[in-house]
């Protein structure tokens, strides 16, 4: 456990950031899973409607430094390719 005042504050900040970051990660992972599920069941139109939601979640994760820019771009590209493929 932290002893100094600054270390205690750093721990509090770290916990808050962890909660925020995990929320962002969960949001984009759930969105991606939802699209993948729709694509696998053959519901292309519904998957296309969810693409903006996935893009938004990935962009927010990138903006808050949860995901790196290129990683988000790669994920967006692969999802778009998957939706357009079948």
PDB file of N, CA and C in Angstrom:
ATOM      1  N   UNK A   1       0.834  -1.187   0.000  1.00  0.00           N
ATOM      2  CA  UNK A   1       0.000   0.000   0.000  1.00  0.00           C
ATOM      3  C   UNK A   1       0.878   1.250   0.000  1.00  0.00           C
ATOM      4  N   UNK A   2       0.370   2.306  -0.639  1.00  0.00           N
ATOM      5  CA  UNK A   2       1.140   3.544  -0.686  1.00  0.00           C
ATOM      6  C   UNK A   2       1.259   4.183   0.702  1.00  0.00           C
ATOM      7  N   UNK A   3       2.365   4.838   0.902  1.00  0.00           N
ATOM      8  CA  UNK A   3       2.611   5.461   2.199  1.00  0.00           C
ATOM      9  C   UNK A   3       2.525   6.981   2.099  1.00  0.00           C
ATOM     10  N   UNK A   4       3.220   7.543   1.115  1.00  0.00           N
ATOM     11  CA  UNK A   4       3.230   9.007   0.995  1.00  0.00           C
ATOM     12  C   UNK A   4       1.908   9.518   0.435  1.00  0.00           C
ATOM     13  N   UNK A   5       1.670  10.793   0.671  1.00  0.00           N
ATOM     14  CA  UNK A   5       0.431  11.431   0.244  1.00  0.00           C
ATOM     15  C   UNK A   5       0.293  11.390  -1.278  1.00  0.00           C
ATOM     16  N   UNK A   6       1.393  11.641  -1.979  1.00  0.00           N
ATOM     17  CA  UNK A   6       1.345  11.659  -3.441  1.00  0.00           C
ATOM     18  C   UNK A   6       1.109  10.257  -4.008  1.00  0.00           C
ATOM     19  N   UNK A   7       1.651   9.247  -3.354  1.00  0.00           N
ATOM     20  CA  UNK A   7       1.438   7.870  -3.806  1.00  0.00           C
ATOM     21  C   UNK A   7      -0.016   7.453  -3.602  1.00  0.00           C
ATOM     22  N   UNK A   8      -0.629   7.924  -2.511  1.00  0.00           N
ATOM     23  CA  UNK A   8      -2.037   7.621  -2.269  1.00  0.00           C
ATOM     24  C   UNK A   8      -2.914   8.254  -3.345  1.00  0.00           C
ATOM     25  N   UNK A   9      -2.581   9.486  -3.689  1.00  0.00           N
ATOM     26  CA  UNK A   9      -3.335  10.187  -4.721  1.00  0.00           C
ATOM     27  C   UNK A   9      -3.160   9.488  -6.072  1.00  0.00           C
ATOM     28  N   UNK A  10      -1.935   9.071  -6.360  1.00  0.00           N
ATOM     29  CA  UNK A  10      -1.662   8.374  -7.617  1.00  0.00           C
ATOM     30  C   UNK A  10      -2.469   7.084  -7.706  1.00  0.00           C
ATOM     31  N   UNK A  11      -2.604   6.397  -6.586  1.00  0.00           N
ATOM     32  CA  UNK A  11      -3.393   5.166  -6.564  1.00  0.00           C
ATOM     33  C   UNK A  11      -4.869   5.451  -6.842  1.00  0.00           C
ATOM     34  N   UNK A  12      -5.393   6.515  -6.237  1.00  0.00           N
ATOM     35  CA  UNK A  12      -6.788   6.889  -6.483  1.00  0.00           C
ATOM     36  C   UNK A  12      -7.009   7.209  -7.961  1.00  0.00           C
ATOM     37  N   UNK A  13      -6.081   7.974  -8.533  1.00  0.00           N
ATOM     38  CA  UNK A  13      -6.199   8.337  -9.943  1.00  0.00           C
ATOM     39  C   UNK A  13      -6.128   7.097 -10.830  1.00  0.00           C
ATOM     40  N   UNK A  14      -5.235   6.214 -10.476  1.00  0.00           N
ATOM     41  CA  UNK A  14      -5.055   4.984 -11.247  1.00  0.00           C
ATOM     42  C   UNK A  14      -6.328   4.140 -11.242  1.00  0.00           C
ATOM     43  N   UNK A  15      -6.979   4.060 -10.098  1.00  0.00           N
ATOM     44  CA  UNK A  15      -8.221   3.292 -10.002  1.00  0.00           C
ATOM     45  C   UNK A  15      -9.317   3.907 -10.869  1.00  0.00           C
ATOM     46  N   UNK A  16      -9.415   5.245 -10.834  1.00  0.00           N
ATOM     47  CA  UNK A  16     -10.425   5.925 -11.654  1.00  0.00           C
ATOM     48  C   UNK A  16     -10.161   5.684 -13.137  1.00  0.00           C
ATOM     49  N   UNK A  17      -8.898   5.797 -13.538  1.00  0.00           N
ATOM     50  CA  UNK A  17      -8.539   5.589 -14.944  1.00  0.00           C
ATOM     51  C   UNK A  17      -8.803   4.150 -15.370  1.00  0.00           C
ATOM     52  N   UNK A  18      -8.540   3.215 -14.474  1.00  0.00           N
ATOM     53  CA  UNK A  18      -8.774   1.808 -14.778  1.00  0.00           C
ATOM     54  C   UNK A  18     -10.254   1.554 -15.069  1.00  0.00           C
ATOM     55  N   UNK A  19     -11.115   2.137 -14.273  1.00  0.00           N
ATOM     56  CA  UNK A  19     -12.556   1.976 -14.466  1.00  0.00           C
ATOM     57  C   UNK A  19     -12.970   2.565 -15.813  1.00  0.00           C
ATOM     58  N   UNK A  20     -12.485   3.768 -16.104  1.00  0.00           N
ATOM     59  CA  UNK A  20     -12.833   4.439 -17.351  1.00  0.00           C
ATOM     60  C   UNK A  20     -12.319   3.661 -18.558  1.00  0.00           C
ATOM     61  N   UNK A  21     -11.077   3.197 -18.466  1.00  0.00           N
ATOM     62  CA  UNK A  21     -10.476   2.465 -19.581  1.00  0.00           C
ATOM     63  C   UNK A  21     -11.184   1.137 -19.825  1.00  0.00           C
ATOM     64  N   UNK A  22     -11.498   0.429 -18.751  1.00  0.00           N
ATOM     65  CA  UNK A  22     -12.155  -0.867 -18.919  1.00  0.00           C
ATOM     66  C   UNK A  22     -13.553  -0.697 -19.516  1.00  0.00           C
ATOM     67  N   UNK A  23     -14.196   0.420 -19.214  1.00  0.00           N
ATOM     68  CA  UNK A  23     -15.507   0.723 -19.780  1.00  0.00           C
ATOM     69  C   UNK A  23     -15.397   0.911 -21.296  1.00  0.00           C
ATOM     70  N   UNK A  24     -14.380   1.632 -21.726  1.00  0.00           N
ATOM     71  CA  UNK A  24     -14.152   1.858 -23.161  1.00  0.00           C
ATOM     72  C   UNK A  24     -13.842   0.549 -23.882  1.00  0.00           C
ATOM     73  N   UNK A  25     -12.983  -0.269 -23.265  1.00  0.00           N
ATOM     74  CA  UNK A  25     -12.603  -1.549 -23.869  1.00  0.00           C
ATOM     75  C   UNK A  25     -13.836  -2.434 -24.011  1.00  0.00           C
ATOM     76  N   UNK A  26     -14.630  -2.503 -22.953  1.00  0.00           N
ATOM     77  CA  UNK A  26     -15.831  -3.328 -22.966  1.00  0.00           C
ATOM     78  C   UNK A  26     -16.793  -2.846 -24.060  1.00  0.00           C
ATOM     79  N   UNK A  27     -16.913  -1.526 -24.212  1.00  0.00           N
ATOM     80  CA  UNK A  27     -17.838  -0.960 -25.203  1.00  0.00           C
ATOM     81  C   UNK A  27     -17.451  -1.379 -26.618  1.00  0.00           C
ATOM     82  N   UNK A  28     -16.171  -1.251 -26.970  1.00  0.00           N
ATOM     83  CA  UNK A  28     -15.810  -1.581 -28.346  1.00  0.00           C
ATOM     84  C   UNK A  28     -15.789  -3.083 -28.582  1.00  0.00           C
ATOM     85  N   UNK A  29     -15.434  -3.856 -27.571  1.00  0.00           N
ATOM     86  CA  UNK A  29     -15.424  -5.313 -27.747  1.00  0.00           C
ATOM     87  C   UNK A  29     -16.840  -5.853 -27.928  1.00  0.00           C
ATOM     88  N   UNK A  30     -17.773  -5.323 -27.158  1.00  0.00           N
ATOM     89  CA  UNK A  30     -19.165  -5.767 -27.283  1.00  0.00           C
ATOM     90  C   UNK A  30     -19.734  -5.397 -28.647  1.00  0.00           C
ATOM     91  N   UNK A  31     -19.402  -4.196 -29.122  1.00  0.00           N
ATOM     92  CA  UNK A  31     -19.889  -3.758 -30.424  1.00  0.00           C
ATOM     93  C   UNK A  31     -19.340  -4.651 -31.535  1.00  0.00           C
ATOM     94  N   UNK A  32     -18.054  -4.977 -31.448  1.00  0.00           N
ATOM     95  CA  UNK A  32     -17.425  -5.834 -32.457  1.00  0.00           C
ATOM     96  C   UNK A  32     -18.041  -7.232 -32.427  1.00  0.00           C
ATOM     97  N   UNK A  33     -18.253  -7.766 -31.228  1.00  0.00           N
ATOM     98  CA  UNK A  33     -18.851  -9.096 -31.102  1.00  0.00           C
ATOM     99  C   UNK A  33     -20.253  -9.130 -31.708  1.00  0.00           C
ATOM    100  N   UNK A  34     -20.996  -8.065 -31.482  1.00  0.00           N
ATOM    101  CA  UNK A  34     -22.357  -7.994 -31.993  1.00  0.00           C
ATOM    102  C   UNK A  34     -22.372  -8.054 -33.521  1.00  0.00           C
ATOM    103  N   UNK A  35     -21.459  -7.294 -34.141  1.00  0.00           N
ATOM    104  CA  UNK A  35     -21.381  -7.283 -35.603  1.00  0.00           C
ATOM    105  C   UNK A  35     -20.937  -8.647 -36.122  1.00  0.00           C
ATOM    106  N   UNK A  36     -19.943  -9.242 -35.474  1.00  0.00           N
ATOM    107  CA  UNK A  36     -19.458 -10.554 -35.903  1.00  0.00           C
ATOM    108  C   UNK A  36     -20.569 -11.602 -35.818  1.00  0.00           C
ATOM    109  N   UNK A  37     -21.366 -11.508 -34.768  1.00  0.00           N
ATOM    110  CA  UNK A  37     -22.468 -12.448 -34.584  1.00  0.00           C
ATOM    111  C   UNK A  37     -23.489 -12.301 -35.708  1.00  0.00           C
ATOM    112  N   UNK A  38     -23.819 -11.053 -36.059  1.00  0.00           N
ATOM    113  CA  UNK A  38     -24.784 -10.811 -37.134  1.00  0.00           C
ATOM    114  C   UNK A  38     -24.252 -11.304 -38.473  1.00  0.00           C
ATOM    115  N   UNK A  39     -22.971 -11.078 -38.719  1.00  0.00           N
ATOM    116  CA  UNK A  39     -22.371 -11.513 -39.984  1.00  0.00           C
ATOM    117  C   UNK A  39     -22.389 -13.038 -40.072  1.00  0.00           C
ATOM    118  N   UNK A  40     -22.068 -13.700 -38.980  1.00  0.00           N
ATOM    119  CA  UNK A  40     -22.029 -15.168 -38.995  1.00  0.00           C
ATOM    120  C   UNK A  40     -23.411 -15.781 -39.197  1.00  0.00           C
ATOM    121  N   UNK A  41     -24.451 -15.078 -38.757  1.00  0.00           N
ATOM    122  CA  UNK A  41     -25.810 -15.591 -38.961  1.00  0.00           C
ATOM    123  C   UNK A  41     -26.390 -15.140 -40.290  1.00  0.00           C
ATOM    124  N   UNK A  42     -25.647 -14.322 -41.040  1.00  0.00           N
ATOM    125  CA  UNK A  42     -26.080 -13.913 -42.373  1.00  0.00           C
ATOM    126  C   UNK A  42     -26.957 -12.678 -42.423  1.00  0.00           C
ATOM    127  N   UNK A  43     -26.977 -11.906 -41.360  1.00  0.00           N
ATOM    128  CA  UNK A  43     -27.796 -10.692 -41.330  1.00  0.00           C
ATOM    129  C   UNK A  43     -26.921  -9.481 -41.671  1.00  0.00           C
ATOM    130  N   UNK A  44     -26.597  -9.366 -42.973  1.00  0.00           N
ATOM    131  CA  UNK A  44     -25.685  -8.320 -43.450  1.00  0.00           C
ATOM    132  C   UNK A  44     -26.243  -6.917 -43.246  1.00  0.00           C
ATOM    133  N   UNK A  45     -27.502  -6.729 -43.551  1.00  0.00           N
ATOM    134  CA  UNK A  45     -28.103  -5.393 -43.463  1.00  0.00           C
ATOM    135  C   UNK A  45     -28.044  -4.863 -42.031  1.00  0.00           C
ATOM    136  N   UNK A  46     -28.345  -5.728 -41.077  1.00  0.00           N
ATOM    137  CA  UNK A  46     -28.306  -5.305 -39.676  1.00  0.00           C
ATOM    138  C   UNK A  46     -26.880  -5.028 -39.228  1.00  0.00           C
ATOM    139  N   UNK A  47     -25.943  -5.820 -39.739  1.00  0.00           N
ATOM    140  CA  UNK A  47     -24.533  -5.622 -39.395  1.00  0.00           C
ATOM    141  C   UNK A  47     -24.042  -4.287 -39.935  1.00  0.00           C
ATOM    142  N   UNK A  48     -24.481  -3.939 -41.146  1.00  0.00           N
ATOM    143  CA  UNK A  48     -24.090  -2.654 -41.744  1.00  0.00           C
ATOM    144  C   UNK A  48     -24.637  -1.483 -40.934  1.00  0.00           C
ATOM    145  N   UNK A  49     -25.823  -1.646 -40.380  1.00  0.00           N
ATOM    146  CA  UNK A  49     -26.416  -0.577 -39.573  1.00  0.00           C
ATOM    147  C   UNK A  49     -25.640  -0.361 -38.274  1.00  0.00           C
ATOM    148  N   UNK A  50     -24.978  -1.419 -37.798  1.00  0.00           N
ATOM    149  CA  UNK A  50     -24.217  -1.318 -36.547  1.00  0.00           C
ATOM    150  C   UNK A  50     -22.784  -0.814 -36.754  1.00  0.00           C
ATOM    151  N   UNK A  51     -22.339  -0.742 -38.000  1.00  0.00           N
ATOM    152  CA  UNK A  51     -20.965  -0.285 -38.247  1.00  0.00           C
ATOM    153  C   UNK A  51     -20.659   1.077 -37.628  1.00  0.00           C
ATOM    154  N   UNK A  52     -21.534   2.074 -37.762  1.00  0.00           N
ATOM    155  CA  UNK A  52     -21.234   3.367 -37.132  1.00  0.00           C
ATOM    156  C   UNK A  52     -21.033   3.257 -35.612  1.00  0.00           C
ATOM    157  N   UNK A  53     -21.799   2.379 -34.979  1.00  0.00           N
ATOM    158  CA  UNK A  53     -21.662   2.178 -33.532  1.00  0.00           C
ATOM    159  C   UNK A  53     -20.271   1.618 -33.200  1.00  0.00           C
ATOM    160  N   UNK A  54     -19.812   0.667 -34.014  1.00  0.00           N
ATOM    161  CA  UNK A  54     -18.486   0.078 -33.807  1.00  0.00           C
ATOM    162  C   UNK A  54     -17.410   1.139 -34.024  1.00  0.00           C
ATOM    163  N   UNK A  55     -17.546   1.901 -35.108  1.00  0.00           N
ATOM    164  CA  UNK A  55     -16.561   2.946 -35.409  1.00  0.00           C
ATOM    165  C   UNK A  55     -16.498   3.962 -34.271  1.00  0.00           C
ATOM    166  N   UNK A  56     -17.655   4.340 -33.761  1.00  0.00           N
ATOM    167  CA  UNK A  56     -17.707   5.327 -32.684  1.00  0.00           C
ATOM    168  C   UNK A  56     -17.004   4.802 -31.436  1.00  0.00           C
ATOM    169  N   UNK A  57     -17.269   3.543 -31.088  1.00  0.00           N
ATOM    170  CA  UNK A  57     -16.646   2.952 -29.907  1.00  0.00           C
ATOM    171  C   UNK A  57     -15.131   2.864 -30.078  1.00  0.00           C
ATOM    172  N   UNK A  58     -14.673   2.474 -31.267  1.00  0.00           N
ATOM    173  CA  UNK A  58     -13.233   2.379 -31.528  1.00  0.00           C
ATOM    174  C   UNK A  58     -12.577   3.759 -31.509  1.00  0.00           C
ATOM    175  N   UNK A  59     -13.262   4.751 -32.087  1.00  0.00           N
ATOM    176  CA  UNK A  59     -12.707   6.111 -32.096  1.00  0.00           C
ATOM    177  C   UNK A  59     -12.595   6.688 -30.690  1.00  0.00           C
ATOM    178  N   UNK A  60     -13.592   6.420 -29.860  1.00  0.00           N
ATOM    179  CA  UNK A  60     -13.537   6.906 -28.484  1.00  0.00           C
ATOM    180  C   UNK A  60     -12.414   6.228 -27.709  1.00  0.00           C
ATOM    181  N   UNK A  61     -12.221   4.943 -27.961  1.00  0.00           N
ATOM    182  CA  UNK A  61     -11.131   4.223 -27.297  1.00  0.00           C
ATOM    183  C   UNK A  61      -9.780   4.784 -27.747  1.00  0.00           C
ATOM    184  N   UNK A  62      -9.695   5.155 -29.006  1.00  0.00           N
ATOM    185  CA  UNK A  62      -8.450   5.726 -29.530  1.00  0.00           C
ATOM    186  C   UNK A  62      -8.214   7.116 -28.955  1.00  0.00           C
ATOM    187  N   UNK A  63      -9.279   7.893 -28.870  1.00  0.00           N
ATOM    188  CA  UNK A  63      -9.162   9.265 -28.370  1.00  0.00           C
ATOM    189  C   UNK A  63      -8.677   9.294 -26.920  1.00  0.00           C
ATOM    190  N   UNK A  64      -9.114   8.321 -26.146  1.00  0.00           N
ATOM    191  CA  UNK A  64      -8.730   8.286 -24.735  1.00  0.00           C
ATOM    192  C   UNK A  64      -7.484   7.425 -24.487  1.00  0.00           C
ATOM    193  N   UNK A  65      -6.778   7.081 -25.580  1.00  0.00           N
ATOM    194  CA  UNK A  65      -5.503   6.347 -25.524  1.00  0.00           C
ATOM    195  C   UNK A  65      -5.637   4.931 -24.971  1.00  0.00           C
ATOM    196  N   UNK A  66      -6.828   4.347 -25.104  1.00  0.00           N
ATOM    197  CA  UNK A  66      -7.023   2.959 -24.688  1.00  0.00           C
ATOM    198  C   UNK A  66      -6.500   2.044 -25.791  1.00  0.00           C
ATOM    199  N   UNK A  67      -6.740   2.451 -27.026  1.00  0.00           N
ATOM    200  CA  UNK A  67      -6.252   1.734 -28.199  1.00  0.00           C
ATOM    201  C   UNK A  67      -5.322   2.652 -28.969  1.00  0.00           C
ATOM    202  N   UNK A  68      -4.344   2.068 -29.641  1.00  0.00           N
ATOM    203  CA  UNK A  68      -3.487   2.881 -30.496  1.00  0.00           C
ATOM    204  C   UNK A  68      -4.215   3.149 -31.798  1.00  0.00           C
ATOM    205  N   UNK A  69      -3.814   4.227 -32.453  1.00  0.00           N
ATOM    206  CA  UNK A  69      -4.489   4.683 -33.662  1.00  0.00           C
ATOM    207  C   UNK A  69      -4.491   3.613 -34.755  1.00  0.00           C
ATOM    208  N   UNK A  70      -3.339   3.012 -35.006  1.00  0.00           N
ATOM    209  CA  UNK A  70      -3.254   2.016 -36.072  1.00  0.00           C
ATOM    210  C   UNK A  70      -4.028   0.747 -35.728  1.00  0.00           C
ATOM    211  N   UNK A  71      -4.063   0.401 -34.462  1.00  0.00           N
ATOM    212  CA  UNK A  71      -4.814  -0.789 -34.040  1.00  0.00           C
ATOM    213  C   UNK A  71      -6.303  -0.574 -34.295  1.00  0.00           C
ATOM    214  N   UNK A  72      -6.787   0.609 -33.978  1.00  0.00           N
ATOM    215  CA  UNK A  72      -8.196   0.925 -34.209  1.00  0.00           C
ATOM    216  C   UNK A  72      -8.499   0.921 -35.708  1.00  0.00           C
ATOM    217  N   UNK A  73      -7.599   1.488 -36.495  1.00  0.00           N
ATOM    218  CA  UNK A  73      -7.787   1.516 -37.946  1.00  0.00           C
ATOM    219  C   UNK A  73      -7.826   0.103 -38.505  1.00  0.00           C
ATOM    220  N   UNK A  74      -6.949  -0.745 -38.008  1.00  0.00           N
ATOM    221  CA  UNK A  74      -6.903  -2.133 -38.461  1.00  0.00           C
ATOM    222  C   UNK A  74      -8.208  -2.856 -38.118  1.00  0.00           C
ATOM    223  N   UNK A  75      -8.696  -2.644 -36.903  1.00  0.00           N
ATOM    224  CA  UNK A  75      -9.940  -3.287 -36.486  1.00  0.00           C
ATOM    225  C   UNK A  75     -11.114  -2.805 -37.340  1.00  0.00           C
ATOM    226  N   UNK A  76     -11.177  -1.488 -37.591  1.00  0.00           N
ATOM    227  CA  UNK A  76     -12.249  -0.937 -38.412  1.00  0.00           C
ATOM    228  C   UNK A  76     -12.216  -1.526 -39.819  1.00  0.00           C
ATOM    229  N   UNK A  77     -11.033  -1.613 -40.362  1.00  0.00           N
ATOM    230  CA  UNK A  77     -10.863  -2.134 -41.708  1.00  0.00           C
ATOM    231  C   UNK A  77     -11.316  -3.580 -41.803  1.00  0.00           C
ATOM    232  N   UNK A  78     -10.925  -4.382 -40.849  1.00  0.00           N
ATOM    233  CA  UNK A  78     -11.272  -5.804 -40.866  1.00  0.00           C
ATOM    234  C   UNK A  78     -12.770  -6.022 -40.673  1.00  0.00           C
ATOM    235  N   UNK A  79     -13.377  -5.201 -39.821  1.00  0.00           N
ATOM    236  CA  UNK A  79     -14.827  -5.311 -39.613  1.00  0.00           C
ATOM    237  C   UNK A  79     -15.571  -4.923 -40.889  1.00  0.00           C
ATOM    238  N   UNK A  80     -15.148  -3.825 -41.503  1.00  0.00           N
ATOM    239  CA  UNK A  80     -15.800  -3.367 -42.733  1.00  0.00           C
ATOM    240  C   UNK A  80     -15.660  -4.409 -43.837  1.00  0.00           C
ATOM    241  N   UNK A  81     -14.496  -5.004 -43.932  1.00  0.00           N
ATOM    242  CA  UNK A  81     -14.233  -6.030 -44.934  1.00  0.00           C
ATOM    243  C   UNK A  81     -15.128  -7.251 -44.685  1.00  0.00           C
ATOM    244  N   UNK A  82     -15.278  -7.617 -43.418  1.00  0.00           N
ATOM    245  CA  UNK A  82     -16.092  -8.762 -43.049  1.00  0.00           C
ATOM    246  C   UNK A  82     -17.569  -8.511 -43.397  1.00  0.00           C
ATOM    247  N   UNK A  83     -18.039  -7.321 -43.125  1.00  0.00           N
ATOM    248  CA  UNK A  83     -19.449  -6.991 -43.383  1.00  0.00           C
ATOM    249  C   UNK A  83     -19.714  -6.935 -44.887  1.00  0.00           C
ATOM    250  N   UNK A  84     -18.785  -6.392 -45.634  1.00  0.00           N
ATOM    251  CA  UNK A  84     -18.967  -6.259 -47.073  1.00  0.00           C
ATOM    252  C   UNK A  84     -18.710  -7.530 -47.843  1.00  0.00           C
ATOM    253  N   UNK A  85     -18.075  -8.484 -47.208  1.00  0.00           N
ATOM    254  CA  UNK A  85     -17.638  -9.704 -47.893  1.00  0.00           C
ATOM    255  C   UNK A  85     -18.790 -10.596 -48.327  1.00  0.00           C
ATOM    256  N   UNK A  86     -19.677 -10.931 -47.404  1.00  0.00           N
ATOM    257  CA  UNK A  86     -20.724 -11.931 -47.704  1.00  0.00           C
ATOM    258  C   UNK A  86     -21.957 -11.340 -48.337  1.00  0.00           C
TER     259      UNK A  86
END
